[in-house]
Amino acid sequence: MKLTTPTDFDILAALADGKRDNAVNLAHELDKNRAYVNTRLPVLADYGLVERVGPAPNSGLYVITEKGRAVAENRSKYHAEDVDFDAEIDNLLEERDES
Protein backbone atom coordinates (compact mmCIF):
# COMPACT_ATOMS: atom_id res chain seq x y z
CA MET A 1 0.00 0.00 0.00
CA LYS A 2 1.27 3.44 -0.87
CA LEU A 3 -0.04 6.11 1.43
CA THR A 4 0.32 9.86 1.16
CA THR A 5 1.82 11.20 4.34
CA PRO A 6 0.70 12.87 6.41
CA THR A 7 -2.73 13.31 4.79
CA ASP A 8 -3.84 9.67 4.63
CA PHE A 9 -2.80 9.06 8.23
CA ASP A 10 -4.55 12.27 9.27
CA ILE A 11 -7.75 11.11 7.57
CA LEU A 12 -7.53 7.77 9.37
CA ALA A 13 -6.90 9.52 12.69
CA ALA A 14 -9.92 11.75 12.12
CA LEU A 15 -12.10 8.69 11.48
CA ALA A 16 -10.63 6.70 14.38
CA ASP A 17 -13.48 7.77 16.65
CA GLY A 18 -15.62 5.28 14.71
CA LYS A 19 -18.14 7.86 13.49
CA ARG A 20 -19.12 8.27 9.86
CA ASP A 21 -17.82 11.36 8.10
CA ASN A 22 -17.57 12.86 4.64
CA ALA A 23 -14.89 14.66 2.64
CA VAL A 24 -16.28 18.13 3.37
CA ASN A 25 -16.07 17.67 7.13
CA LEU A 26 -12.72 15.90 7.00
CA ALA A 27 -11.21 18.60 4.79
CA HIS A 28 -12.40 21.27 7.21
CA GLU A 29 -11.15 19.39 10.27
CA LEU A 30 -7.75 18.69 8.69
CA ASP A 31 -7.45 22.09 6.97
CA LYS A 32 -6.96 20.35 3.61
CA ASN A 33 -8.42 20.95 0.19
CA ARG A 34 -11.80 19.20 -0.17
CA ALA A 35 -11.06 17.97 -3.69
CA TYR A 36 -7.81 16.42 -2.48
CA VAL A 37 -9.51 14.65 0.43
CA ASN A 38 -12.17 13.48 -2.05
CA THR A 39 -9.45 11.84 -4.16
CA ARG A 40 -7.79 10.15 -1.19
CA LEU A 41 -10.90 8.55 0.33
CA PRO A 42 -11.52 6.14 -2.58
CA VAL A 43 -7.82 5.17 -2.53
CA LEU A 44 -8.06 4.42 1.19
CA ALA A 45 -11.22 2.42 0.46
CA ASP A 46 -9.37 0.42 -2.23
CA TYR A 47 -6.75 -0.47 0.40
CA GLY A 48 -9.52 -1.56 2.77
CA LEU A 49 -8.70 1.16 5.30
CA VAL A 50 -12.05 2.94 5.08
CA GLU A 51 -15.45 1.85 3.88
CA ARG A 52 -18.11 3.87 2.13
CA VAL A 53 -21.37 3.62 4.05
CA GLY A 54 -24.94 4.85 3.70
CA PRO A 55 -27.67 5.39 4.38
CA ALA A 56 -27.79 6.52 0.73
CA PRO A 57 -25.40 4.73 -1.69
CA ASN A 58 -23.91 8.03 -2.86
CA SER A 59 -23.92 9.81 0.49
CA GLY A 60 -20.13 10.12 0.53
CA LEU A 61 -19.94 8.93 4.11
CA TYR A 62 -16.94 6.90 5.16
CA VAL A 63 -16.03 4.91 8.26
CA ILE A 64 -12.68 3.46 9.29
CA THR A 65 -12.19 -0.31 9.08
CA GLU A 66 -10.29 -2.57 11.46
CA LYS A 67 -7.39 -2.55 9.01
CA GLY A 68 -7.54 1.25 8.93
CA ARG A 69 -7.31 1.33 12.72
CA ALA A 70 -4.27 -0.94 12.64
CA VAL A 71 -2.59 1.30 10.07
CA ALA A 72 -3.36 4.43 12.09
CA GLU A 73 -2.06 2.83 15.29
CA ASN A 74 1.19 1.82 13.58
CA ARG A 75 1.85 5.06 11.74
CA SER A 76 5.35 5.33 13.18
CA LYS A 77 6.39 2.10 11.42
CA TYR A 78 5.30 3.23 7.94
CA HIS A 79 8.62 4.77 6.94
CA ALA A 80 10.84 2.42 8.94
CA GLU A 81 13.38 0.87 6.59
CA ASP A 82 13.53 -2.44 8.43
CA VAL A 83 9.74 -2.99 8.42
CA ASP A 84 7.55 -4.43 5.67
CA PHE A 85 4.56 -2.30 6.62
CA ASP A 86 1.97 -4.28 4.65
CA ALA A 87 3.16 -7.56 6.18
CA GLU A 88 3.26 -5.98 9.64
CA ILE A 89 -0.38 -4.89 9.33
CA ASP A 90 -1.47 -8.27 7.95
CA ASN A 91 0.26 -10.08 10.84
CA LEU A 92 -1.29 -7.75 13.38
CA LEU A 93 -4.76 -8.33 11.96
CA GLU A 94 -4.23 -12.11 11.96
CA GLU A 95 -3.18 -11.97 15.62
CA ARG A 96 -6.30 -9.95 16.44
CA ASP A 97 -8.50 -12.47 14.64
CA GLU A 98 -6.93 -15.35 16.57
CA SER A 99 -7.56 -13.76 19.95
PDB file of N, CA and C in Angstrom:
ATOM      1  N   MET A   1       0.845  -1.168   0.000  1.00  0.00           N
ATOM      2  CA  MET A   1       0.000   0.000   0.000  1.00  0.00           C
ATOM      3  C   MET A   1       0.887   1.225   0.000  1.00  0.00           C
ATOM      4  N   LYS A   2       0.512   2.196  -0.784  1.00  0.00           N
ATOM      5  CA  LYS A   2       1.274   3.435  -0.873  1.00  0.00           C
ATOM      6  C   LYS A   2       0.393   4.564  -0.371  1.00  0.00           C
ATOM      7  N   LEU A   3       0.745   5.063   0.809  1.00  0.00           N
ATOM      8  CA  LEU A   3      -0.041   6.111   1.435  1.00  0.00           C
ATOM      9  C   LEU A   3       0.631   7.461   1.264  1.00  0.00           C
ATOM     10  N   THR A   4      -0.177   8.496   1.213  1.00  0.00           N
ATOM     11  CA  THR A   4       0.321   9.859   1.159  1.00  0.00           C
ATOM     12  C   THR A   4       0.423  10.366   2.589  1.00  0.00           C
ATOM     13  N   THR A   5       1.634  10.717   2.973  1.00  0.00           N
ATOM     14  CA  THR A   5       1.816  11.200   4.339  1.00  0.00           C
ATOM     15  C   THR A   5       1.999  12.708   4.327  1.00  0.00           C
ATOM     16  N   PRO A   6       1.445  13.394   5.276  1.00  0.00           N
ATOM     17  CA  PRO A   6       0.698  12.868   6.414  1.00  0.00           C
ATOM     18  C   PRO A   6      -0.806  12.748   6.168  1.00  0.00           C
ATOM     19  N   THR A   7      -1.283  13.182   5.015  1.00  0.00           N
ATOM     20  CA  THR A   7      -2.731  13.310   4.792  1.00  0.00           C
ATOM     21  C   THR A   7      -3.503  12.025   5.037  1.00  0.00           C
ATOM     22  N   ASP A   8      -3.071  10.915   4.462  1.00  0.00           N
ATOM     23  CA  ASP A   8      -3.837   9.673   4.626  1.00  0.00           C
ATOM     24  C   ASP A   8      -3.908   9.261   6.094  1.00  0.00           C
ATOM     25  N   PHE A   9      -2.800   9.395   6.807  1.00  0.00           N
ATOM     26  CA  PHE A   9      -2.805   9.062   8.227  1.00  0.00           C
ATOM     27  C   PHE A   9      -3.681  10.035   9.012  1.00  0.00           C
ATOM     28  N   ASP A  10      -3.693  11.288   8.605  1.00  0.00           N
ATOM     29  CA  ASP A  10      -4.551  12.272   9.270  1.00  0.00           C
ATOM     30  C   ASP A  10      -6.030  11.949   9.051  1.00  0.00           C
ATOM     31  N   ILE A  11      -6.369  11.510   7.854  1.00  0.00           N
ATOM     32  CA  ILE A  11      -7.754  11.108   7.568  1.00  0.00           C
ATOM     33  C   ILE A  11      -8.137   9.923   8.454  1.00  0.00           C
ATOM     34  N   LEU A  12      -7.252   8.937   8.538  1.00  0.00           N
ATOM     35  CA  LEU A  12      -7.533   7.768   9.374  1.00  0.00           C
ATOM     36  C   LEU A  12      -7.677   8.167  10.839  1.00  0.00           C
ATOM     37  N   ALA A  13      -6.825   9.055  11.304  1.00  0.00           N
ATOM     38  CA  ALA A  13      -6.904   9.517  12.692  1.00  0.00           C
ATOM     39  C   ALA A  13      -8.224  10.244  12.946  1.00  0.00           C
ATOM     40  N   ALA A  14      -8.664  11.026  11.972  1.00  0.00           N
ATOM     41  CA  ALA A  14      -9.923  11.754  12.123  1.00  0.00           C
ATOM     42  C   ALA A  14     -11.116  10.805  12.164  1.00  0.00           C
ATOM     43  N   LEU A  15     -11.012   9.677  11.484  1.00  0.00           N
ATOM     44  CA  LEU A  15     -12.099   8.694  11.476  1.00  0.00           C
ATOM     45  C   LEU A  15     -11.984   7.672  12.609  1.00  0.00           C
ATOM     46  N   ALA A  16     -10.895   7.715  13.348  1.00  0.00           N
ATOM     47  CA  ALA A  16     -10.625   6.704  14.376  1.00  0.00           C
ATOM     48  C   ALA A  16     -11.649   6.696  15.507  1.00  0.00           C
ATOM     49  N   ASP A  17     -12.446   7.746  15.610  1.00  0.00           N
ATOM     50  CA  ASP A  17     -13.485   7.769  16.652  1.00  0.00           C
ATOM     51  C   ASP A  17     -14.643   6.834  16.317  1.00  0.00           C
ATOM     52  N   GLY A  18     -14.604   6.253  15.105  1.00  0.00           N
ATOM     53  CA  GLY A  18     -15.623   5.283  14.713  1.00  0.00           C
ATOM     54  C   GLY A  18     -16.876   5.882  14.110  1.00  0.00           C
ATOM     55  N   LYS A  19     -16.957   7.198  14.058  1.00  0.00           N
ATOM     56  CA  LYS A  19     -18.136   7.855  13.492  1.00  0.00           C
ATOM     57  C   LYS A  19     -17.981   7.999  11.987  1.00  0.00           C
ATOM     58  N   ARG A  20     -19.115   8.040  11.314  1.00  0.00           N
ATOM     59  CA  ARG A  20     -19.116   8.268   9.865  1.00  0.00           C
ATOM     60  C   ARG A  20     -18.799   9.734   9.594  1.00  0.00           C
ATOM     61  N   ASP A  21     -18.104   9.978   8.482  1.00  0.00           N
ATOM     62  CA  ASP A  21     -17.821  11.362   8.104  1.00  0.00           C
ATOM     63  C   ASP A  21     -17.657  11.441   6.597  1.00  0.00           C
ATOM     64  N   ASN A  22     -17.704  12.665   6.078  1.00  0.00           N
ATOM     65  CA  ASN A  22     -17.568  12.863   4.636  1.00  0.00           C
ATOM     66  C   ASN A  22     -16.382  13.773   4.335  1.00  0.00           C
ATOM     67  N   ALA A  23     -16.063  13.902   3.066  1.00  0.00           N
ATOM     68  CA  ALA A  23     -14.888  14.656   2.637  1.00  0.00           C
ATOM     69  C   ALA A  23     -14.959  16.117   3.056  1.00  0.00           C
ATOM     70  N   VAL A  24     -16.137  16.713   3.006  1.00  0.00           N
ATOM     71  CA  VAL A  24     -16.280  18.128   3.373  1.00  0.00           C
ATOM     72  C   VAL A  24     -15.860  18.339   4.821  1.00  0.00           C
ATOM     73  N   ASN A  25     -16.396  17.530   5.713  1.00  0.00           N
ATOM     74  CA  ASN A  25     -16.069  17.669   7.129  1.00  0.00           C
ATOM     75  C   ASN A  25     -14.608  17.341   7.409  1.00  0.00           C
ATOM     76  N   LEU A  26     -14.114  16.280   6.787  1.00  0.00           N
ATOM     77  CA  LEU A  26     -12.723  15.900   7.002  1.00  0.00           C
ATOM     78  C   LEU A  26     -11.773  16.979   6.498  1.00  0.00           C
ATOM     79  N   ALA A  27     -12.058  17.535   5.339  1.00  0.00           N
ATOM     80  CA  ALA A  27     -11.211  18.598   4.792  1.00  0.00           C
ATOM     81  C   ALA A  27     -11.187  19.796   5.731  1.00  0.00           C
ATOM     82  N   HIS A  28     -12.334  20.147   6.269  1.00  0.00           N
ATOM     83  CA  HIS A  28     -12.402  21.274   7.207  1.00  0.00           C
ATOM     84  C   HIS A  28     -11.609  20.963   8.479  1.00  0.00           C
ATOM     85  N   GLU A  29     -11.830  19.784   9.026  1.00  0.00           N
ATOM     86  CA  GLU A  29     -11.154  19.387  10.268  1.00  0.00           C
ATOM     87  C   GLU A  29      -9.636  19.335  10.097  1.00  0.00           C
ATOM     88  N   LEU A  30      -9.183  18.862   8.933  1.00  0.00           N
ATOM     89  CA  LEU A  30      -7.750  18.693   8.692  1.00  0.00           C
ATOM     90  C   LEU A  30      -7.098  19.902   8.024  1.00  0.00           C
ATOM     91  N   ASP A  31      -7.921  20.902   7.682  1.00  0.00           N
ATOM     92  CA  ASP A  31      -7.450  22.085   6.975  1.00  0.00           C
ATOM     93  C   ASP A  31      -6.756  21.704   5.671  1.00  0.00           C
ATOM     94  N   LYS A  32      -7.451  20.823   4.914  1.00  0.00           N
ATOM     95  CA  LYS A  32      -6.964  20.352   3.612  1.00  0.00           C
ATOM     96  C   LYS A  32      -7.986  20.714   2.543  1.00  0.00           C
ATOM     97  N   ASN A  33      -7.550  20.693   1.311  1.00  0.00           N
ATOM     98  CA  ASN A  33      -8.425  20.948   0.186  1.00  0.00           C
ATOM     99  C   ASN A  33      -9.451  19.825   0.057  1.00  0.00           C
ATOM    100  N   ARG A  34     -10.728  20.204  -0.083  1.00  0.00           N
ATOM    101  CA  ARG A  34     -11.801  19.202  -0.171  1.00  0.00           C
ATOM    102  C   ARG A  34     -11.601  18.264  -1.357  1.00  0.00           C
ATOM    103  N   ALA A  35     -11.239  18.806  -2.498  1.00  0.00           N
ATOM    104  CA  ALA A  35     -11.057  17.970  -3.691  1.00  0.00           C
ATOM    105  C   ALA A  35      -9.954  16.939  -3.456  1.00  0.00           C
ATOM    106  N   TYR A  36      -8.913  17.335  -2.760  1.00  0.00           N
ATOM    107  CA  TYR A  36      -7.813  16.416  -2.482  1.00  0.00           C
ATOM    108  C   TYR A  36      -8.266  15.301  -1.544  1.00  0.00           C
ATOM    109  N   VAL A  37      -8.984  15.654  -0.497  1.00  0.00           N
ATOM    110  CA  VAL A  37      -9.509  14.649   0.428  1.00  0.00           C
ATOM    111  C   VAL A  37     -10.456  13.716  -0.327  1.00  0.00           C
ATOM    112  N   ASN A  38     -11.253  14.286  -1.233  1.00  0.00           N
ATOM    113  CA  ASN A  38     -12.170  13.481  -2.051  1.00  0.00           C
ATOM    114  C   ASN A  38     -11.423  12.471  -2.918  1.00  0.00           C
ATOM    115  N   THR A  39     -10.218  12.795  -3.353  1.00  0.00           N
ATOM    116  CA  THR A  39      -9.452  11.843  -4.165  1.00  0.00           C
ATOM    117  C   THR A  39      -8.786  10.777  -3.300  1.00  0.00           C
ATOM    118  N   ARG A  40      -8.471  11.103  -2.063  1.00  0.00           N
ATOM    119  CA  ARG A  40      -7.789  10.153  -1.189  1.00  0.00           C
ATOM    120  C   ARG A  40      -8.731   9.114  -0.595  1.00  0.00           C
ATOM    121  N   LEU A  41      -9.969   9.487  -0.298  1.00  0.00           N
ATOM    122  CA  LEU A  41     -10.901   8.550   0.334  1.00  0.00           C
ATOM    123  C   LEU A  41     -11.131   7.286  -0.495  1.00  0.00           C
ATOM    124  N   PRO A  42     -11.370   7.372  -1.802  1.00  0.00           N
ATOM    125  CA  PRO A  42     -11.522   6.138  -2.584  1.00  0.00           C
ATOM    126  C   PRO A  42     -10.250   5.286  -2.615  1.00  0.00           C
ATOM    127  N   VAL A  43      -9.081   5.920  -2.574  1.00  0.00           N
ATOM    128  CA  VAL A  43      -7.823   5.174  -2.530  1.00  0.00           C
ATOM    129  C   VAL A  43      -7.734   4.408  -1.208  1.00  0.00           C
ATOM    130  N   LEU A  44      -8.068   5.074  -0.111  1.00  0.00           N
ATOM    131  CA  LEU A  44      -8.062   4.417   1.192  1.00  0.00           C
ATOM    132  C   LEU A  44      -9.087   3.287   1.222  1.00  0.00           C
ATOM    133  N   ALA A  45     -10.204   3.480   0.541  1.00  0.00           N
ATOM    134  CA  ALA A  45     -11.222   2.422   0.456  1.00  0.00           C
ATOM    135  C   ALA A  45     -10.685   1.236  -0.344  1.00  0.00           C
ATOM    136  N   ASP A  46      -9.966   1.501  -1.426  1.00  0.00           N
ATOM    137  CA  ASP A  46      -9.375   0.416  -2.227  1.00  0.00           C
ATOM    138  C   ASP A  46      -8.384  -0.411  -1.404  1.00  0.00           C
ATOM    139  N   TYR A  47      -7.688   0.230  -0.490  1.00  0.00           N
ATOM    140  CA  TYR A  47      -6.752  -0.469   0.399  1.00  0.00           C
ATOM    141  C   TYR A  47      -7.460  -1.166   1.559  1.00  0.00           C
ATOM    142  N   GLY A  48      -8.766  -0.941   1.688  1.00  0.00           N
ATOM    143  CA  GLY A  48      -9.518  -1.561   2.772  1.00  0.00           C
ATOM    144  C   GLY A  48      -9.360  -0.846   4.104  1.00  0.00           C
ATOM    145  N   LEU A  49      -8.931   0.406   4.067  1.00  0.00           N
ATOM    146  CA  LEU A  49      -8.703   1.164   5.299  1.00  0.00           C
ATOM    147  C   LEU A  49      -9.933   1.933   5.747  1.00  0.00           C
ATOM    148  N   VAL A  50     -10.765   2.305   4.796  1.00  0.00           N
ATOM    149  CA  VAL A  50     -12.048   2.937   5.083  1.00  0.00           C
ATOM    150  C   VAL A  50     -13.101   2.252   4.232  1.00  0.00           C
ATOM    151  N   GLU A  51     -14.341   2.457   4.603  1.00  0.00           N
ATOM    152  CA  GLU A  51     -15.449   1.854   3.876  1.00  0.00           C
ATOM    153  C   GLU A  51     -16.509   2.919   3.647  1.00  0.00           C
ATOM    154  N   ARG A  52     -17.022   2.949   2.445  1.00  0.00           N
ATOM    155  CA  ARG A  52     -18.109   3.874   2.130  1.00  0.00           C
ATOM    156  C   ARG A  52     -19.401   3.282   2.672  1.00  0.00           C
ATOM    157  N   VAL A  53     -20.136   4.094   3.414  1.00  0.00           N
ATOM    158  CA  VAL A  53     -21.366   3.623   4.049  1.00  0.00           C
ATOM    159  C   VAL A  53     -22.526   4.541   3.689  1.00  0.00           C
ATOM    160  N   GLY A  54     -23.726   4.094   4.004  1.00  0.00           N
ATOM    161  CA  GLY A  54     -24.942   4.846   3.703  1.00  0.00           C
ATOM    162  C   GLY A  54     -25.297   5.837   4.775  1.00  0.00           C
ATOM    163  N   PRO A  55     -26.545   6.183   4.837  1.00  0.00           N
ATOM    164  CA  PRO A  55     -27.667   5.390   4.376  1.00  0.00           C
ATOM    165  C   PRO A  55     -27.874   5.391   2.856  1.00  0.00           C
ATOM    166  N   ALA A  56     -27.624   6.485   2.176  1.00  0.00           N
ATOM    167  CA  ALA A  56     -27.787   6.519   0.726  1.00  0.00           C
ATOM    168  C   ALA A  56     -26.487   6.031   0.075  1.00  0.00           C
ATOM    169  N   PRO A  57     -26.588   5.284  -1.040  1.00  0.00           N
ATOM    170  CA  PRO A  57     -25.399   4.732  -1.691  1.00  0.00           C
ATOM    171  C   PRO A  57     -24.368   5.789  -2.088  1.00  0.00           C
ATOM    172  N   ASN A  58     -24.816   6.968  -2.432  1.00  0.00           N
ATOM    173  CA  ASN A  58     -23.910   8.028  -2.859  1.00  0.00           C
ATOM    174  C   ASN A  58     -23.781   9.144  -1.828  1.00  0.00           C
ATOM    175  N   SER A  59     -23.943   8.795  -0.559  1.00  0.00           N
ATOM    176  CA  SER A  59     -23.917   9.813   0.486  1.00  0.00           C
ATOM    177  C   SER A  59     -22.525  10.380   0.721  1.00  0.00           C
ATOM    178  N   GLY A  60     -21.491   9.646   0.323  1.00  0.00           N
ATOM    179  CA  GLY A  60     -20.129  10.120   0.530  1.00  0.00           C
ATOM    180  C   GLY A  60     -19.649   9.973   1.955  1.00  0.00           C
ATOM    181  N   LEU A  61     -20.344   9.162   2.733  1.00  0.00           N
ATOM    182  CA  LEU A  61     -19.944   8.932   4.112  1.00  0.00           C
ATOM    183  C   LEU A  61     -18.971   7.765   4.178  1.00  0.00           C
ATOM    184  N   TYR A  62     -17.948   7.933   4.982  1.00  0.00           N
ATOM    185  CA  TYR A  62     -16.937   6.898   5.157  1.00  0.00           C
ATOM    186  C   TYR A  62     -16.760   6.587   6.632  1.00  0.00           C
ATOM    187  N   VAL A  63     -16.338   5.362   6.905  1.00  0.00           N
ATOM    188  CA  VAL A  63     -16.033   4.911   8.256  1.00  0.00           C
ATOM    189  C   VAL A  63     -14.726   4.127   8.191  1.00  0.00           C
ATOM    190  N   ILE A  64     -13.952   4.188   9.247  1.00  0.00           N
ATOM    191  CA  ILE A  64     -12.677   3.462   9.285  1.00  0.00           C
ATOM    192  C   ILE A  64     -12.941   1.966   9.494  1.00  0.00           C
ATOM    193  N   THR A  65     -12.093   1.134   8.913  1.00  0.00           N
ATOM    194  CA  THR A  65     -12.194  -0.313   9.082  1.00  0.00           C
ATOM    195  C   THR A  65     -11.197  -0.758  10.154  1.00  0.00           C
ATOM    196  N   GLU A  66     -11.244  -2.031  10.500  1.00  0.00           N
ATOM    197  CA  GLU A  66     -10.286  -2.573  11.462  1.00  0.00           C
ATOM    198  C   GLU A  66      -8.860  -2.453  10.910  1.00  0.00           C
ATOM    199  N   LYS A  67      -8.711  -2.695   9.624  1.00  0.00           N
ATOM    200  CA  LYS A  67      -7.390  -2.547   9.006  1.00  0.00           C
ATOM    201  C   LYS A  67      -6.942  -1.087   9.065  1.00  0.00           C
ATOM    202  N   GLY A  68      -7.858  -0.175   8.837  1.00  0.00           N
ATOM    203  CA  GLY A  68      -7.538   1.251   8.926  1.00  0.00           C
ATOM    204  C   GLY A  68      -7.085   1.644  10.316  1.00  0.00           C
ATOM    205  N   ARG A  69      -7.730   1.073  11.334  1.00  0.00           N
ATOM    206  CA  ARG A  69      -7.313   1.331  12.722  1.00  0.00           C
ATOM    207  C   ARG A  69      -5.892   0.827  12.966  1.00  0.00           C
ATOM    208  N   ALA A  70      -5.603  -0.368  12.464  1.00  0.00           N
ATOM    209  CA  ALA A  70      -4.269  -0.940  12.640  1.00  0.00           C
ATOM    210  C   ALA A  70      -3.207  -0.071  11.964  1.00  0.00           C
ATOM    211  N   VAL A  71      -3.524   0.424  10.785  1.00  0.00           N
ATOM    212  CA  VAL A  71      -2.593   1.297  10.070  1.00  0.00           C
ATOM    213  C   VAL A  71      -2.380   2.590  10.858  1.00  0.00           C
ATOM    214  N   ALA A  72      -3.474   3.186  11.325  1.00  0.00           N
ATOM    215  CA  ALA A  72      -3.359   4.433  12.088  1.00  0.00           C
ATOM    216  C   ALA A  72      -2.548   4.226  13.367  1.00  0.00           C
ATOM    217  N   GLU A  73      -2.763   3.117  14.034  1.00  0.00           N
ATOM    218  CA  GLU A  73      -2.062   2.829  15.289  1.00  0.00           C
ATOM    219  C   GLU A  73      -0.575   2.565  15.075  1.00  0.00           C
ATOM    220  N   ASN A  74      -0.202   2.163  13.872  1.00  0.00           N
ATOM    221  CA  ASN A  74       1.190   1.818  13.578  1.00  0.00           C
ATOM    222  C   ASN A  74       1.847   2.805  12.624  1.00  0.00           C
ATOM    223  N   ARG A  75       1.350   4.007  12.623  1.00  0.00           N
ATOM    224  CA  ARG A  75       1.845   5.060  11.741  1.00  0.00           C
ATOM    225  C   ARG A  75       3.364   5.221  11.821  1.00  0.00           C
ATOM    226  N   SER A  76       3.912   5.108  12.998  1.00  0.00           N
ATOM    227  CA  SER A  76       5.352   5.330  13.179  1.00  0.00           C
ATOM    228  C   SER A  76       6.202   4.298  12.440  1.00  0.00           C
ATOM    229  N   LYS A  77       5.640   3.152  12.113  1.00  0.00           N
ATOM    230  CA  LYS A  77       6.388   2.098  11.418  1.00  0.00           C
ATOM    231  C   LYS A  77       6.339   2.233   9.898  1.00  0.00           C
ATOM    232  N   TYR A  78       5.511   3.146   9.388  1.00  0.00           N
ATOM    233  CA  TYR A  78       5.297   3.227   7.940  1.00  0.00           C
ATOM    234  C   TYR A  78       6.587   3.516   7.168  1.00  0.00           C
ATOM    235  N   HIS A  79       7.401   4.411   7.657  1.00  0.00           N
ATOM    236  CA  HIS A  79       8.625   4.775   6.940  1.00  0.00           C
ATOM    237  C   HIS A  79       9.866   4.059   7.470  1.00  0.00           C
ATOM    238  N   ALA A  80       9.695   3.151   8.399  1.00  0.00           N
ATOM    239  CA  ALA A  80      10.841   2.417   8.937  1.00  0.00           C
ATOM    240  C   ALA A  80      11.426   1.516   7.851  1.00  0.00           C
ATOM    241  N   GLU A  81      12.718   1.618   7.657  1.00  0.00           N
ATOM    242  CA  GLU A  81      13.379   0.867   6.589  1.00  0.00           C
ATOM    243  C   GLU A  81      13.401  -0.634   6.851  1.00  0.00           C
ATOM    244  N   ASP A  82      13.420  -1.022   8.102  1.00  0.00           N
ATOM    245  CA  ASP A  82      13.529  -2.444   8.432  1.00  0.00           C
ATOM    246  C   ASP A  82      12.170  -3.128   8.620  1.00  0.00           C
ATOM    247  N   VAL A  83      11.087  -2.451   8.223  1.00  0.00           N
ATOM    248  CA  VAL A  83       9.739  -2.990   8.425  1.00  0.00           C
ATOM    249  C   VAL A  83       9.012  -3.083   7.087  1.00  0.00           C
ATOM    250  N   ASP A  84       8.462  -4.262   6.802  1.00  0.00           N
ATOM    251  CA  ASP A  84       7.553  -4.425   5.665  1.00  0.00           C
ATOM    252  C   ASP A  84       6.172  -4.065   6.216  1.00  0.00           C
ATOM    253  N   PHE A  85       5.767  -2.827   5.986  1.00  0.00           N
ATOM    254  CA  PHE A  85       4.565  -2.303   6.623  1.00  0.00           C
ATOM    255  C   PHE A  85       3.327  -3.127   6.302  1.00  0.00           C
ATOM    256  N   ASP A  86       3.140  -3.485   5.042  1.00  0.00           N
ATOM    257  CA  ASP A  86       1.966  -4.282   4.654  1.00  0.00           C
ATOM    258  C   ASP A  86       1.938  -5.610   5.406  1.00  0.00           C
ATOM    259  N   ALA A  87       3.082  -6.284   5.474  1.00  0.00           N
ATOM    260  CA  ALA A  87       3.161  -7.560   6.182  1.00  0.00           C
ATOM    261  C   ALA A  87       2.928  -7.363   7.673  1.00  0.00           C
ATOM    262  N   GLU A  88       3.458  -6.292   8.214  1.00  0.00           N
ATOM    263  CA  GLU A  88       3.264  -5.977   9.640  1.00  0.00           C
ATOM    264  C   GLU A  88       1.773  -5.826   9.963  1.00  0.00           C
ATOM    265  N   ILE A  89       1.068  -5.109   9.109  1.00  0.00           N
ATOM    266  CA  ILE A  89      -0.379  -4.894   9.328  1.00  0.00           C
ATOM    267  C   ILE A  89      -1.127  -6.212   9.176  1.00  0.00           C
ATOM    268  N   ASP A  90      -0.797  -6.976   8.144  1.00  0.00           N
ATOM    269  CA  ASP A  90      -1.466  -8.273   7.951  1.00  0.00           C
ATOM    270  C   ASP A  90      -1.254  -9.196   9.150  1.00  0.00           C
ATOM    271  N   ASN A  91      -0.027  -9.237   9.668  1.00  0.00           N
ATOM    272  CA  ASN A  91       0.265 -10.076  10.837  1.00  0.00           C
ATOM    273  C   ASN A  91      -0.507  -9.600  12.060  1.00  0.00           C
ATOM    274  N   LEU A  92      -0.561  -8.312  12.250  1.00  0.00           N
ATOM    275  CA  LEU A  92      -1.290  -7.748  13.383  1.00  0.00           C
ATOM    276  C   LEU A  92      -2.772  -8.102  13.312  1.00  0.00           C
ATOM    277  N   LEU A  93      -3.353  -7.999  12.119  1.00  0.00           N
ATOM    278  CA  LEU A  93      -4.763  -8.334  11.958  1.00  0.00           C
ATOM    279  C   LEU A  93      -5.022  -9.816  12.176  1.00  0.00           C
ATOM    280  N   GLU A  94      -4.095 -10.660  11.717  1.00  0.00           N
ATOM    281  CA  GLU A  94      -4.225 -12.112  11.958  1.00  0.00           C
ATOM    282  C   GLU A  94      -4.181 -12.420  13.443  1.00  0.00           C
ATOM    283  N   GLU A  95      -3.271 -11.767  14.163  1.00  0.00           N
ATOM    284  CA  GLU A  95      -3.184 -11.966  15.616  1.00  0.00           C
ATOM    285  C   GLU A  95      -4.472 -11.533  16.306  1.00  0.00           C
ATOM    286  N   ARG A  96      -5.046 -10.426  15.852  1.00  0.00           N
ATOM    287  CA  ARG A  96      -6.296  -9.950  16.444  1.00  0.00           C
ATOM    288  C   ARG A  96      -7.433 -10.928  16.182  1.00  0.00           C
ATOM    289  N   ASP A  97      -7.444 -11.505  14.984  1.00  0.00           N
ATOM    290  CA  ASP A  97      -8.500 -12.473  14.641  1.00  0.00           C
ATOM    291  C   ASP A  97      -8.391 -13.738  15.479  1.00  0.00           C
ATOM    292  N   GLU A  98      -7.152 -14.125  15.804  1.00  0.00           N
ATOM    293  CA  GLU A  98      -6.933 -15.351  16.575  1.00  0.00           C
ATOM    294  C   GLU A  98      -7.290 -15.195  18.041  1.00  0.00           C
ATOM    295  N   SER A  99      -7.271 -13.959  18.524  1.00  0.00           N
ATOM    296  CA  SER A  99      -7.560 -13.764  19.946  1.00  0.00           C
ATOM    297  C   SER A  99      -9.022 -13.467  20.225  1.00  0.00           C
TER     298      SER A  99
END
